[in-house]
Amino acid sequence: MTAILAWTLASTVDPAVAQEPPFQIVWVVIGEAASASDKSPAYAGRQLFVASDLVSKSLANVKVEQVEVEPAVQVLELGKRLCVTQMSIRAAGPGNEPVAGAPLSISIRQDHKQRLGLKRSRRNICLQPTEAGEYPVRLTSMLPARDGTMRGAQVYIRVNDRDKTNDATAIDIP
């Protein structure tokens, strides 16, 4: 009886569905950022830090316990541009003291890369999305916290299509 049940279940499974690989989100690093200080704003670029920069900060026992980016949701109209230097990026160490110039990596989803209209220079990373939607961007510390984990923040770039948002039948993106 069990063999018949197993054969029946196996014969009803669509072979195309059974062979489909699972969906996987892949994050890719698109550049680096340095957190703001009281005297200078955050900045970003393709490669801001070399290994010796990270080693010297580690030897100085610099720890990043928290990364904050404001606003957490950036709303853009389709075709408008947003640069990382326009964001308020702060890092804090033990005791919540600010960590100026904390090295951060910036990552986006691989499947969003084309739609984000990515432009990188030595001093900034800008996004000019070509499609409406919501796109997460991660900023992750390149220095560990006291417990050895890497802390970070996630920002959402919400892109509205002006033509569709004026339409009463347009679906609101949560």
N, C-alpha and C. Protein backbone atom coordinates (compact mmCIF):
# COMPACT_ATOMS: atom_id res chain seq x y z
N MET A 1 0.82 -1.19 0.00
CA MET A 1 0.00 0.00 0.00
C MET A 1 0.87 1.27 0.00
N THR A 2 1.92 1.28 0.82
CA THR A 2 2.81 2.42 0.89
C THR A 2 3.52 2.65 -0.44
N ALA A 3 3.91 1.56 -1.10
CA ALA A 3 4.59 1.67 -2.39
C ALA A 3 3.67 2.27 -3.44
N ILE A 4 2.41 1.90 -3.42
CA ILE A 4 1.44 2.43 -4.39
C ILE A 4 1.22 3.92 -4.14
N LEU A 5 1.11 4.32 -2.88
CA LEU A 5 0.93 5.71 -2.53
C LEU A 5 2.15 6.54 -2.97
N ALA A 6 3.34 6.03 -2.73
CA ALA A 6 4.56 6.73 -3.12
C ALA A 6 4.64 6.88 -4.64
N TRP A 7 4.29 5.82 -5.38
CA TRP A 7 4.31 5.87 -6.84
C TRP A 7 3.28 6.87 -7.36
N THR A 8 2.10 6.90 -6.75
CA THR A 8 1.05 7.84 -7.17
C THR A 8 1.50 9.27 -6.96
N LEU A 9 2.09 9.57 -5.80
CA LEU A 9 2.57 10.91 -5.53
C LEU A 9 3.69 11.30 -6.48
N ALA A 10 4.59 10.39 -6.73
CA ALA A 10 5.72 10.67 -7.62
C ALA A 10 5.26 10.90 -9.06
N SER A 11 4.24 10.20 -9.49
CA SER A 11 3.77 10.34 -10.87
C SER A 11 2.96 11.61 -11.08
N THR A 12 2.45 12.22 -10.00
CA THR A 12 1.66 13.44 -10.14
C THR A 12 2.51 14.70 -10.08
N VAL A 13 3.78 14.59 -9.71
CA VAL A 13 4.66 15.75 -9.63
C VAL A 13 5.09 16.13 -11.05
N ASP A 14 4.94 17.39 -11.38
CA ASP A 14 5.35 17.90 -12.69
C ASP A 14 6.87 17.89 -12.75
N PRO A 15 7.48 17.21 -13.71
CA PRO A 15 8.94 17.13 -13.77
C PRO A 15 9.61 18.50 -13.92
N ALA A 16 8.98 19.44 -14.60
CA ALA A 16 9.57 20.77 -14.77
C ALA A 16 9.65 21.50 -13.43
N VAL A 17 8.62 21.34 -12.60
CA VAL A 17 8.61 21.98 -11.29
C VAL A 17 9.61 21.30 -10.36
N ALA A 18 9.69 19.99 -10.43
CA ALA A 18 10.58 19.23 -9.55
C ALA A 18 12.05 19.55 -9.83
N GLN A 19 12.40 19.94 -11.07
CA GLN A 19 13.79 20.19 -11.42
C GLN A 19 14.18 21.66 -11.29
N GLU A 20 13.24 22.53 -10.97
CA GLU A 20 13.53 23.95 -10.86
C GLU A 20 14.37 24.22 -9.62
N PRO A 21 15.52 24.90 -9.79
CA PRO A 21 16.36 25.18 -8.61
C PRO A 21 15.69 26.20 -7.71
N PRO A 22 16.02 26.20 -6.41
CA PRO A 22 15.42 27.17 -5.49
C PRO A 22 15.92 28.58 -5.81
N PHE A 23 15.05 29.55 -5.55
CA PHE A 23 15.40 30.96 -5.76
C PHE A 23 16.37 31.37 -4.67
N GLN A 24 17.43 32.07 -5.05
CA GLN A 24 18.44 32.50 -4.09
C GLN A 24 18.76 33.97 -4.32
N ILE A 25 18.75 34.74 -3.25
CA ILE A 25 19.12 36.16 -3.34
C ILE A 25 20.63 36.26 -3.17
N VAL A 26 21.26 36.93 -4.12
CA VAL A 26 22.71 37.11 -4.08
C VAL A 26 22.99 38.60 -3.90
N TRP A 27 23.77 38.93 -2.89
CA TRP A 27 24.17 40.31 -2.62
C TRP A 27 25.55 40.54 -3.19
N VAL A 28 25.75 41.67 -3.87
CA VAL A 28 27.06 42.00 -4.44
C VAL A 28 27.52 43.34 -3.87
N VAL A 29 28.80 43.41 -3.57
CA VAL A 29 29.39 44.64 -3.06
C VAL A 29 29.62 45.58 -4.24
N ILE A 30 29.11 46.82 -4.12
CA ILE A 30 29.27 47.80 -5.20
C ILE A 30 30.24 48.92 -4.84
N GLY A 31 30.70 48.94 -3.60
CA GLY A 31 31.63 49.98 -3.20
C GLY A 31 31.75 50.06 -1.69
N GLU A 32 32.32 51.16 -1.25
CA GLU A 32 32.56 51.35 0.17
C GLU A 32 32.15 52.75 0.59
N ALA A 33 31.90 52.91 1.88
CA ALA A 33 31.55 54.22 2.44
C ALA A 33 32.31 54.40 3.74
N ALA A 34 32.47 55.65 4.11
CA ALA A 34 33.06 56.01 5.41
C ALA A 34 32.01 56.80 6.16
N SER A 35 31.78 56.43 7.41
CA SER A 35 30.75 57.11 8.21
C SER A 35 31.12 58.56 8.47
N ALA A 36 30.10 59.36 8.74
CA ALA A 36 30.29 60.79 8.99
C ALA A 36 30.89 61.03 10.37
N SER A 37 31.43 62.22 10.52
CA SER A 37 31.92 62.67 11.83
C SER A 37 31.28 64.03 12.10
N ASP A 38 31.62 64.62 13.24
CA ASP A 38 31.10 65.95 13.55
C ASP A 38 31.64 66.99 12.58
N LYS A 39 32.80 66.72 12.00
CA LYS A 39 33.46 67.69 11.14
C LYS A 39 33.31 67.41 9.64
N SER A 40 33.03 66.17 9.28
CA SER A 40 32.93 65.86 7.85
C SER A 40 31.78 64.89 7.57
N PRO A 41 31.14 65.05 6.40
CA PRO A 41 30.03 64.17 6.06
C PRO A 41 30.55 62.80 5.61
N ALA A 42 29.63 61.86 5.51
CA ALA A 42 29.98 60.53 4.99
C ALA A 42 30.39 60.67 3.53
N TYR A 43 31.24 59.76 3.09
CA TYR A 43 31.59 59.73 1.68
C TYR A 43 31.64 58.29 1.22
N ALA A 44 31.63 58.09 -0.09
CA ALA A 44 31.58 56.75 -0.66
C ALA A 44 32.36 56.71 -1.96
N GLY A 45 32.71 55.51 -2.39
CA GLY A 45 33.42 55.33 -3.65
C GLY A 45 33.65 53.87 -3.94
N ARG A 46 34.30 53.61 -5.06
CA ARG A 46 34.57 52.23 -5.46
C ARG A 46 35.41 51.49 -4.44
N GLN A 47 36.57 52.02 -4.12
CA GLN A 47 37.45 51.39 -3.14
C GLN A 47 38.12 52.48 -2.32
N LEU A 48 37.63 52.67 -1.12
CA LEU A 48 38.16 53.72 -0.25
C LEU A 48 39.25 53.21 0.68
N PHE A 49 39.21 51.93 1.01
CA PHE A 49 40.09 51.38 2.03
C PHE A 49 40.94 50.25 1.46
N VAL A 50 42.17 50.20 1.93
CA VAL A 50 43.06 49.08 1.60
C VAL A 50 43.24 48.27 2.87
N ALA A 51 43.83 47.11 2.73
CA ALA A 51 43.97 46.20 3.87
C ALA A 51 44.70 46.86 5.04
N SER A 52 45.70 47.67 4.75
CA SER A 52 46.46 48.30 5.84
C SER A 52 45.58 49.26 6.65
N ASP A 53 44.58 49.90 6.00
CA ASP A 53 43.66 50.78 6.74
C ASP A 53 42.87 49.97 7.77
N LEU A 54 42.38 48.81 7.34
CA LEU A 54 41.58 47.97 8.24
C LEU A 54 42.45 47.38 9.35
N VAL A 55 43.67 46.98 9.01
CA VAL A 55 44.58 46.43 10.02
C VAL A 55 44.91 47.49 11.06
N SER A 56 45.21 48.71 10.63
CA SER A 56 45.57 49.74 11.62
C SER A 56 44.39 50.08 12.53
N LYS A 57 43.18 50.09 12.00
CA LYS A 57 42.01 50.33 12.86
C LYS A 57 41.78 49.16 13.82
N SER A 58 42.01 47.95 13.34
CA SER A 58 41.87 46.78 14.21
C SER A 58 42.91 46.79 15.32
N LEU A 59 44.16 47.14 14.96
CA LEU A 59 45.21 47.22 15.98
C LEU A 59 44.94 48.32 17.00
N ALA A 60 44.23 49.37 16.56
CA ALA A 60 43.85 50.45 17.48
C ALA A 60 42.60 50.06 18.27
N ASN A 61 42.13 48.83 18.07
CA ASN A 61 40.97 48.27 18.77
C ASN A 61 39.68 49.05 18.50
N VAL A 62 39.51 49.54 17.27
CA VAL A 62 38.27 50.23 16.89
C VAL A 62 37.20 49.17 16.66
N LYS A 63 36.08 49.32 17.33
CA LYS A 63 34.94 48.40 17.21
C LYS A 63 33.72 49.17 16.74
N VAL A 64 32.92 48.56 15.88
CA VAL A 64 31.68 49.18 15.41
C VAL A 64 30.52 48.33 15.93
N GLU A 65 29.78 48.90 16.86
CA GLU A 65 28.66 48.21 17.50
C GLU A 65 27.33 48.50 16.79
N GLN A 66 27.27 49.62 16.08
CA GLN A 66 26.00 50.01 15.46
C GLN A 66 26.26 50.87 14.23
N VAL A 67 25.46 50.65 13.19
CA VAL A 67 25.49 51.47 11.98
C VAL A 67 24.08 52.00 11.77
N GLU A 68 23.96 53.30 11.56
CA GLU A 68 22.65 53.92 11.32
C GLU A 68 22.70 54.74 10.04
N VAL A 69 21.66 54.59 9.24
CA VAL A 69 21.52 55.38 8.01
C VAL A 69 20.13 55.98 8.04
N GLU A 70 20.08 57.29 7.82
CA GLU A 70 18.78 57.98 7.82
C GLU A 70 18.63 58.77 6.54
N PRO A 71 17.43 58.86 6.02
CA PRO A 71 16.26 58.09 6.43
C PRO A 71 16.38 56.64 5.98
N ALA A 72 15.69 55.76 6.70
CA ALA A 72 15.75 54.33 6.40
C ALA A 72 15.03 54.00 5.09
N VAL A 73 14.08 54.85 4.70
CA VAL A 73 13.38 54.69 3.42
C VAL A 73 13.59 55.97 2.63
N GLN A 74 14.21 55.84 1.48
CA GLN A 74 14.45 56.98 0.58
C GLN A 74 13.42 56.88 -0.55
N VAL A 75 12.61 57.89 -0.72
CA VAL A 75 11.58 57.88 -1.78
C VAL A 75 12.08 58.72 -2.94
N LEU A 76 12.06 58.13 -4.12
CA LEU A 76 12.50 58.80 -5.35
C LEU A 76 11.44 58.70 -6.41
N GLU A 77 11.38 59.70 -7.27
CA GLU A 77 10.57 59.59 -8.48
C GLU A 77 11.42 58.88 -9.52
N LEU A 78 10.79 58.13 -10.38
CA LEU A 78 11.49 57.41 -11.44
C LEU A 78 12.35 58.39 -12.25
N GLY A 79 13.62 58.03 -12.46
CA GLY A 79 14.54 58.88 -13.21
C GLY A 79 15.34 59.84 -12.36
N LYS A 80 14.97 60.02 -11.09
CA LYS A 80 15.73 60.89 -10.19
C LYS A 80 16.94 60.14 -9.67
N ARG A 81 17.92 60.88 -9.20
CA ARG A 81 19.19 60.31 -8.77
C ARG A 81 19.37 60.46 -7.26
N LEU A 82 19.94 59.45 -6.64
CA LEU A 82 20.26 59.48 -5.21
C LEU A 82 21.71 59.02 -5.05
N CYS A 83 22.49 59.82 -4.34
CA CYS A 83 23.88 59.48 -4.09
C CYS A 83 24.07 59.14 -2.61
N VAL A 84 24.99 58.23 -2.34
CA VAL A 84 25.24 57.79 -0.97
C VAL A 84 25.62 58.96 -0.07
N THR A 85 26.32 59.96 -0.61
CA THR A 85 26.72 61.10 0.22
C THR A 85 25.54 61.95 0.67
N GLN A 86 24.36 61.73 0.08
CA GLN A 86 23.15 62.44 0.52
C GLN A 86 22.53 61.79 1.76
N MET A 87 22.99 60.60 2.11
CA MET A 87 22.46 59.89 3.26
C MET A 87 23.23 60.27 4.52
N SER A 88 22.55 60.23 5.65
CA SER A 88 23.21 60.44 6.93
C SER A 88 23.68 59.07 7.43
N ILE A 89 24.99 58.85 7.39
CA ILE A 89 25.56 57.55 7.77
C ILE A 89 26.39 57.75 9.02
N ARG A 90 26.03 57.06 10.08
CA ARG A 90 26.72 57.17 11.37
C ARG A 90 27.10 55.77 11.85
N ALA A 91 28.23 55.69 12.51
CA ALA A 91 28.67 54.44 13.15
C ALA A 91 28.98 54.75 14.61
N ALA A 92 28.70 53.78 15.46
CA ALA A 92 28.96 53.95 16.89
C ALA A 92 29.70 52.75 17.42
N GLY A 93 30.59 53.01 18.35
CA GLY A 93 31.37 51.95 18.99
C GLY A 93 30.81 51.63 20.36
N PRO A 94 31.60 50.93 21.17
CA PRO A 94 31.16 50.63 22.53
C PRO A 94 30.84 51.92 23.29
N GLY A 95 29.81 51.86 24.09
CA GLY A 95 29.39 53.05 24.83
C GLY A 95 28.69 54.07 23.95
N ASN A 96 28.34 53.68 22.75
CA ASN A 96 27.62 54.53 21.80
C ASN A 96 28.42 55.76 21.35
N GLU A 97 29.76 55.73 21.50
CA GLU A 97 30.57 56.85 21.03
C GLU A 97 30.69 56.78 19.51
N PRO A 98 30.66 57.93 18.83
CA PRO A 98 30.75 57.95 17.37
C PRO A 98 32.09 57.41 16.87
N VAL A 99 32.04 56.69 15.77
CA VAL A 99 33.25 56.21 15.11
C VAL A 99 33.31 56.93 13.76
N ALA A 100 34.12 57.96 13.69
CA ALA A 100 34.24 58.74 12.47
C ALA A 100 35.05 57.97 11.44
N GLY A 101 34.59 58.01 10.19
CA GLY A 101 35.31 57.36 9.11
C GLY A 101 35.31 55.85 9.18
N ALA A 102 34.32 55.27 9.87
CA ALA A 102 34.25 53.80 9.96
C ALA A 102 34.09 53.21 8.56
N PRO A 103 34.90 52.22 8.22
CA PRO A 103 34.81 51.62 6.89
C PRO A 103 33.59 50.71 6.77
N LEU A 104 32.80 50.95 5.72
CA LEU A 104 31.58 50.18 5.47
C LEU A 104 31.58 49.68 4.03
N SER A 105 31.06 48.49 3.82
CA SER A 105 30.87 48.01 2.46
C SER A 105 29.41 48.26 2.08
N ILE A 106 29.17 48.52 0.80
CA ILE A 106 27.81 48.80 0.31
C ILE A 106 27.43 47.67 -0.63
N SER A 107 26.28 47.03 -0.37
CA SER A 107 25.83 45.90 -1.19
C SER A 107 24.41 46.11 -1.68
N ILE A 108 24.15 45.57 -2.87
CA ILE A 108 22.80 45.54 -3.43
C ILE A 108 22.51 44.13 -3.91
N ARG A 109 21.25 43.86 -4.18
CA ARG A 109 20.89 42.56 -4.73
C ARG A 109 21.33 42.47 -6.19
N GLN A 110 21.90 41.35 -6.56
CA GLN A 110 22.39 41.14 -7.92
C GLN A 110 21.27 41.33 -8.94
N ASP A 111 20.07 40.84 -8.63
CA ASP A 111 18.96 40.95 -9.58
C ASP A 111 18.42 42.37 -9.70
N HIS A 112 18.87 43.29 -8.87
CA HIS A 112 18.46 44.70 -8.96
C HIS A 112 19.52 45.58 -9.63
N LYS A 113 20.69 45.04 -9.85
CA LYS A 113 21.83 45.84 -10.30
C LYS A 113 21.54 46.62 -11.58
N GLN A 114 20.98 46.01 -12.59
CA GLN A 114 20.69 46.70 -13.85
C GLN A 114 19.64 47.80 -13.66
N ARG A 115 18.60 47.51 -12.87
CA ARG A 115 17.51 48.46 -12.68
C ARG A 115 17.88 49.68 -11.84
N LEU A 116 18.96 49.58 -11.07
CA LEU A 116 19.34 50.67 -10.18
C LEU A 116 20.14 51.78 -10.86
N GLY A 117 20.58 51.59 -12.07
CA GLY A 117 21.31 52.64 -12.79
C GLY A 117 22.53 53.10 -12.01
N LEU A 118 23.36 52.18 -11.61
CA LEU A 118 24.52 52.41 -10.75
C LEU A 118 25.60 53.22 -11.46
N LYS A 119 26.07 54.29 -10.78
CA LYS A 119 27.19 55.11 -11.25
C LYS A 119 28.16 55.25 -10.09
N ARG A 120 29.41 54.86 -10.29
CA ARG A 120 30.41 54.93 -9.22
C ARG A 120 31.58 55.80 -9.64
N SER A 121 32.08 56.56 -8.68
CA SER A 121 33.27 57.37 -8.90
C SER A 121 34.18 57.19 -7.69
N ARG A 122 35.28 57.89 -7.68
CA ARG A 122 36.21 57.78 -6.55
C ARG A 122 35.61 58.34 -5.26
N ARG A 123 34.69 59.29 -5.35
CA ARG A 123 34.16 59.96 -4.16
C ARG A 123 32.66 59.81 -3.93
N ASN A 124 31.98 59.00 -4.76
CA ASN A 124 30.55 58.83 -4.54
C ASN A 124 30.03 57.62 -5.29
N ILE A 125 28.88 57.14 -4.85
CA ILE A 125 28.15 56.07 -5.52
C ILE A 125 26.72 56.58 -5.65
N CYS A 126 26.22 56.60 -6.88
CA CYS A 126 24.88 57.13 -7.12
C CYS A 126 24.01 56.08 -7.79
N LEU A 127 22.71 56.17 -7.50
CA LEU A 127 21.71 55.28 -8.08
C LEU A 127 20.69 56.13 -8.80
N GLN A 128 20.34 55.72 -10.00
CA GLN A 128 19.29 56.39 -10.77
C GLN A 128 18.41 55.30 -11.37
N PRO A 129 17.47 54.78 -10.56
CA PRO A 129 16.68 53.62 -10.97
C PRO A 129 15.90 53.85 -12.28
N THR A 130 15.81 52.77 -13.05
CA THR A 130 15.12 52.81 -14.34
C THR A 130 13.74 52.17 -14.27
N GLU A 131 13.39 51.56 -13.13
CA GLU A 131 12.08 50.94 -12.95
C GLU A 131 11.55 51.26 -11.56
N ALA A 132 10.24 51.41 -11.46
CA ALA A 132 9.61 51.62 -10.15
C ALA A 132 9.75 50.34 -9.33
N GLY A 133 9.80 50.48 -8.03
CA GLY A 133 9.91 49.33 -7.14
C GLY A 133 10.59 49.72 -5.85
N GLU A 134 10.90 48.72 -5.04
CA GLU A 134 11.61 48.96 -3.79
C GLU A 134 12.90 48.16 -3.81
N TYR A 135 14.00 48.85 -3.54
CA TYR A 135 15.32 48.26 -3.66
C TYR A 135 16.09 48.40 -2.35
N PRO A 136 16.45 47.30 -1.71
CA PRO A 136 17.23 47.39 -0.48
C PRO A 136 18.71 47.62 -0.78
N VAL A 137 19.35 48.39 0.07
CA VAL A 137 20.79 48.65 -0.01
C VAL A 137 21.35 48.41 1.40
N ARG A 138 22.39 47.60 1.49
CA ARG A 138 22.99 47.27 2.78
C ARG A 138 24.33 47.97 2.96
N LEU A 139 24.53 48.51 4.14
CA LEU A 139 25.83 49.06 4.53
C LEU A 139 26.31 48.24 5.72
N THR A 140 27.44 47.57 5.56
CA THR A 140 27.94 46.66 6.58
C THR A 140 29.33 47.09 7.02
N SER A 141 29.53 47.14 8.32
CA SER A 141 30.83 47.52 8.86
C SER A 141 31.90 46.53 8.41
N MET A 142 33.07 47.05 8.13
CA MET A 142 34.21 46.20 7.78
C MET A 142 35.06 45.93 9.02
N LEU A 143 34.64 46.49 10.17
CA LEU A 143 35.29 46.24 11.45
C LEU A 143 34.30 45.53 12.36
N PRO A 144 34.74 44.54 13.10
CA PRO A 144 33.80 43.78 13.94
C PRO A 144 33.39 44.54 15.20
N ALA A 145 32.27 44.08 15.75
CA ALA A 145 31.81 44.55 17.06
C ALA A 145 32.59 43.77 18.13
N ARG A 146 32.35 44.06 19.39
CA ARG A 146 33.05 43.36 20.47
C ARG A 146 32.83 41.85 20.44
N ASP A 147 31.63 41.42 19.97
CA ASP A 147 31.34 39.99 19.93
C ASP A 147 31.83 39.31 18.65
N GLY A 148 32.52 40.05 17.79
CA GLY A 148 33.08 39.47 16.58
C GLY A 148 32.16 39.51 15.36
N THR A 149 30.91 39.95 15.54
CA THR A 149 29.98 40.02 14.41
C THR A 149 30.15 41.35 13.67
N MET A 150 29.70 41.36 12.44
CA MET A 150 29.74 42.57 11.63
C MET A 150 28.35 43.21 11.68
N ARG A 151 28.29 44.46 12.06
CA ARG A 151 27.02 45.17 12.17
C ARG A 151 26.75 45.97 10.91
N GLY A 152 25.49 46.25 10.67
CA GLY A 152 25.16 47.02 9.49
C GLY A 152 23.77 47.61 9.57
N ALA A 153 23.38 48.24 8.48
CA ALA A 153 22.06 48.86 8.36
C ALA A 153 21.56 48.59 6.95
N GLN A 154 20.26 48.58 6.80
CA GLN A 154 19.65 48.40 5.49
C GLN A 154 18.75 49.58 5.20
N VAL A 155 18.90 50.14 4.02
CA VAL A 155 18.09 51.26 3.55
C VAL A 155 17.25 50.77 2.39
N TYR A 156 16.05 51.30 2.27
CA TYR A 156 15.18 50.94 1.15
C TYR A 156 15.02 52.14 0.23
N ILE A 157 15.29 51.93 -1.04
CA ILE A 157 15.09 52.96 -2.05
C ILE A 157 13.74 52.64 -2.70
N ARG A 158 12.75 53.47 -2.41
CA ARG A 158 11.40 53.27 -2.95
C ARG A 158 11.22 54.20 -4.13
N VAL A 159 11.05 53.62 -5.31
CA VAL A 159 10.99 54.39 -6.55
C VAL A 159 9.55 54.37 -7.06
N ASN A 160 9.00 55.59 -7.20
CA ASN A 160 7.63 55.75 -7.68
C ASN A 160 7.66 56.20 -9.13
N ASP A 161 6.78 55.63 -9.92
CA ASP A 161 6.60 56.08 -11.31
C ASP A 161 5.52 57.15 -11.27
N ARG A 162 5.90 58.38 -11.49
CA ARG A 162 4.98 59.51 -11.40
C ARG A 162 3.71 59.28 -12.22
N ASP A 163 3.84 58.73 -13.42
CA ASP A 163 2.68 58.50 -14.27
C ASP A 163 1.72 57.49 -13.67
N LYS A 164 2.26 56.46 -13.03
CA LYS A 164 1.41 55.41 -12.47
C LYS A 164 0.88 55.77 -11.09
N THR A 165 1.61 56.58 -10.30
CA THR A 165 1.14 56.92 -8.97
C THR A 165 -0.02 57.91 -9.01
N ASN A 166 -0.19 58.62 -10.11
CA ASN A 166 -1.35 59.52 -10.24
C ASN A 166 -2.59 58.77 -10.69
N ASP A 167 -2.41 57.52 -11.13
CA ASP A 167 -3.51 56.69 -11.59
C ASP A 167 -4.22 56.10 -10.37
N ALA A 168 -5.54 56.22 -10.32
CA ALA A 168 -6.33 55.74 -9.16
C ALA A 168 -6.24 54.23 -9.01
N THR A 169 -5.88 53.51 -10.08
CA THR A 169 -5.81 52.04 -9.99
C THR A 169 -4.41 51.55 -9.64
N ALA A 170 -3.47 52.46 -9.44
CA ALA A 170 -2.09 52.06 -9.14
C ALA A 170 -2.03 51.36 -7.77
N ILE A 171 -1.18 50.35 -7.70
CA ILE A 171 -1.02 49.60 -6.45
C ILE A 171 0.03 50.31 -5.61
N ASP A 172 -0.28 50.49 -4.34
CA ASP A 172 0.65 51.14 -3.43
C ASP A 172 1.70 50.13 -2.99
N ILE A 173 2.96 50.52 -3.02
CA ILE A 173 4.05 49.67 -2.56
C ILE A 173 4.15 49.85 -1.06
N PRO A 174 4.07 48.75 -0.28
CA PRO A 174 4.12 48.90 1.18
C PRO A 174 5.46 49.38 1.66
